[in-house]
Structures are given as C-alpha cells and as structure tokens.
Amino acid sequence: QVQLVESGGGLVEPGGSLQLSCVASASISSIYYMAWYRQAPGKRRELVARASNNGYIDYEDSVKGRFTISRDNVKNTLYLQMNYLKPEDTAIYYCNAGLPYDSWGPGTQVTVSS
C-alpha cells in the first residue's frame, strides 16, 4: 500500500492561483495513473485530472486551460497547478494512486471566495 498526503489548499479569491502537492510514501514510477479528484458539498467525487507514467494527460472539461497536472517520479510527488480559480472550484481535493494500489489521500480543502 502507498500512503498519500496532500497539501497546498486554502482560501483564495476568484481569479487567484493555488498549487496542490501530493507526496507518496513509496515510488510512483510504476503506477500507471496518478490523479486528482474533488468533491464539493452535496456532490459526487469527480475526476479533475490524471497523468500516466508515459506522459498521457487528460482533464475534466471545466478545468481545461486553467489547471495543469504534473508528476515527479523521482520525488514521488503529484502536483496540480490551479489558475483562474472560480467559486465552483471550491471542494475537497483528493490525490489518487491508481492500480495496483487504488490509494487515496485524506484531502485538502480549496475554497474560492471573495
């Protein structure tokens, strides 16, 4: 099992930026997909972005052009750069390590409000 810990959340005004980090307790180089999910109050958890270990990346439509996912397989860290944040981005953001682990971090709160 791999343990994941997210950081970087907080309160930001609309139009602002945040960078989330997710540090893994073990090597992530063999994990095909690393991903960011989010869950807003009263809503289902949704995929925000995912990055494969061979360079494939995709995004949920509402964050395309604003968010950038990246992974550092040497530092065992996943990142999510979030720019031009909107109030509807407010959620708890979770890091996920895909198969064979399917592990989740505890989440980090992102609040976008003026």
Protein backbone atom coordinates (compact mmCIF):
# COMPACT_ATOMS: atom_id res chain seq x y z
CA GLN A 1 0.00 0.00 0.00
CA VAL A 2 1.15 3.56 -0.67
CA GLN A 3 0.24 6.43 1.64
CA LEU A 4 -0.63 9.80 0.13
CA VAL A 5 -0.65 13.23 1.76
CA GLU A 6 -1.99 16.32 0.03
CA SER A 7 -1.06 19.91 0.81
CA GLY A 8 -1.43 23.38 -0.64
CA GLY A 9 -5.13 24.01 -0.22
CA GLY A 10 -6.56 27.18 1.25
CA LEU A 11 -8.75 30.20 0.73
CA VAL A 12 -8.22 32.20 -2.45
CA GLU A 13 -10.15 34.93 -4.24
CA PRO A 14 -11.73 34.30 -7.65
CA GLY A 15 -9.09 34.57 -10.35
CA GLY A 16 -6.34 33.50 -8.00
CA SER A 17 -3.99 30.53 -8.08
CA LEU A 18 -3.02 27.61 -5.87
CA GLN A 19 -0.66 24.71 -6.29
CA LEU A 20 -1.56 21.40 -4.69
CA SER A 21 1.03 18.75 -3.91
CA CYS A 22 0.61 15.07 -3.11
CA VAL A 23 3.56 13.22 -1.63
CA ALA A 24 3.60 9.43 -1.79
CA SER A 25 5.26 7.14 0.75
CA ALA A 26 6.65 4.89 -1.97
CA SER A 27 7.75 5.07 -5.57
CA ILE A 28 5.08 6.14 -8.01
CA SER A 29 7.05 5.42 -11.16
CA SER A 30 5.31 2.07 -11.72
CA ILE A 31 1.82 3.42 -11.05
CA TYR A 32 0.24 4.00 -14.43
CA TYR A 33 -2.25 6.68 -13.42
CA MET A 34 -1.91 9.29 -10.69
CA ALA A 35 -4.93 11.56 -10.44
CA TRP A 36 -6.63 14.45 -8.68
CA TYR A 37 -10.30 14.21 -7.75
CA ARG A 38 -12.55 16.70 -5.99
CA GLN A 39 -15.77 16.59 -4.06
CA ALA A 40 -17.94 19.63 -3.46
CA PRO A 41 -20.61 19.68 -0.72
CA GLY A 42 -23.61 17.62 -1.74
CA LYS A 43 -21.95 16.39 -4.91
CA ARG A 44 -20.24 13.22 -6.03
CA ARG A 45 -16.50 12.92 -6.16
CA GLU A 46 -15.31 13.72 -9.68
CA LEU A 47 -12.11 13.27 -11.62
CA VAL A 48 -10.29 16.57 -12.17
CA ALA A 49 -7.14 15.45 -13.97
CA ARG A 50 -4.95 12.40 -14.38
CA ALA A 51 -1.42 11.76 -15.59
CA SER A 52 0.04 8.47 -16.73
CA ASN A 53 3.63 7.42 -16.25
CA ASN A 54 4.20 7.52 -20.00
CA GLY A 55 3.04 11.10 -20.46
CA TYR A 56 -0.68 10.76 -21.17
CA ILE A 57 -2.70 13.53 -19.51
CA ASP A 58 -6.37 14.42 -19.53
CA TYR A 59 -8.62 16.90 -17.76
CA GLU A 60 -12.23 17.36 -16.81
CA ASP A 61 -13.76 19.81 -19.27
CA SER A 62 -14.39 22.65 -16.80
CA VAL A 63 -10.71 22.88 -15.80
CA LYS A 64 -9.10 22.63 -19.24
CA GLY A 65 -6.84 25.60 -19.88
CA ARG A 66 -6.82 26.58 -16.19
CA PHE A 67 -5.35 23.57 -14.34
CA THR A 68 -2.11 21.72 -15.04
CA ILE A 69 -1.28 18.30 -13.62
CA SER A 70 2.27 17.04 -13.38
CA ARG A 71 4.11 14.22 -11.68
CA ASP A 72 7.68 13.91 -10.45
CA ASN A 73 8.54 10.22 -10.32
CA VAL A 74 11.87 10.96 -8.61
CA LYS A 75 10.30 12.97 -5.77
CA ASN A 76 7.25 10.67 -5.73
CA THR A 77 5.05 13.76 -5.89
CA LEU A 78 1.97 14.71 -7.88
CA TYR A 79 1.11 18.36 -8.48
CA LEU A 80 -1.91 20.33 -9.57
CA GLN A 81 -1.37 23.93 -10.59
CA MET A 82 -4.70 25.73 -10.48
CA ASN A 83 -5.03 29.15 -12.13
CA TYR A 84 -8.01 31.45 -12.74
CA LEU A 85 -9.88 29.78 -9.91
CA LYS A 86 -13.65 30.11 -9.78
CA PRO A 87 -16.09 29.75 -6.88
CA GLU A 88 -17.32 26.49 -8.44
CA ASP A 89 -13.83 25.03 -7.95
CA THR A 90 -14.50 25.03 -4.20
CA ALA A 91 -14.17 21.44 -2.98
CA ILE A 92 -12.02 18.99 -1.11
CA TYR A 93 -9.29 17.84 -3.48
CA TYR A 94 -8.04 14.27 -3.22
CA CYS A 95 -4.97 12.59 -4.63
CA ASN A 96 -5.37 9.08 -6.01
CA ALA A 97 -2.77 6.47 -6.85
CA GLY A 98 -4.14 4.05 -9.41
CA LEU A 99 -3.75 0.32 -9.76
CA PRO A 100 -2.39 -1.79 -8.20
CA TYR A 101 -2.87 0.37 -5.11
CA ASP A 102 -6.01 2.47 -5.61
CA SER A 103 -4.97 4.59 -2.61
CA TRP A 104 -6.42 7.92 -1.53
CA GLY A 105 -5.10 10.80 0.49
CA PRO A 106 -7.16 12.49 3.23
CA GLY A 107 -7.81 15.52 1.02
CA THR A 108 -7.11 19.23 1.15
CA GLN A 109 -9.76 21.95 1.20
CA VAL A 110 -9.82 24.54 -1.56
CA THR A 111 -12.17 27.48 -1.09
CA VAL A 112 -12.60 30.13 -3.76
CA SER A 113 -14.46 33.14 -2.41
CA SER A 114 -14.26 36.90 -2.20
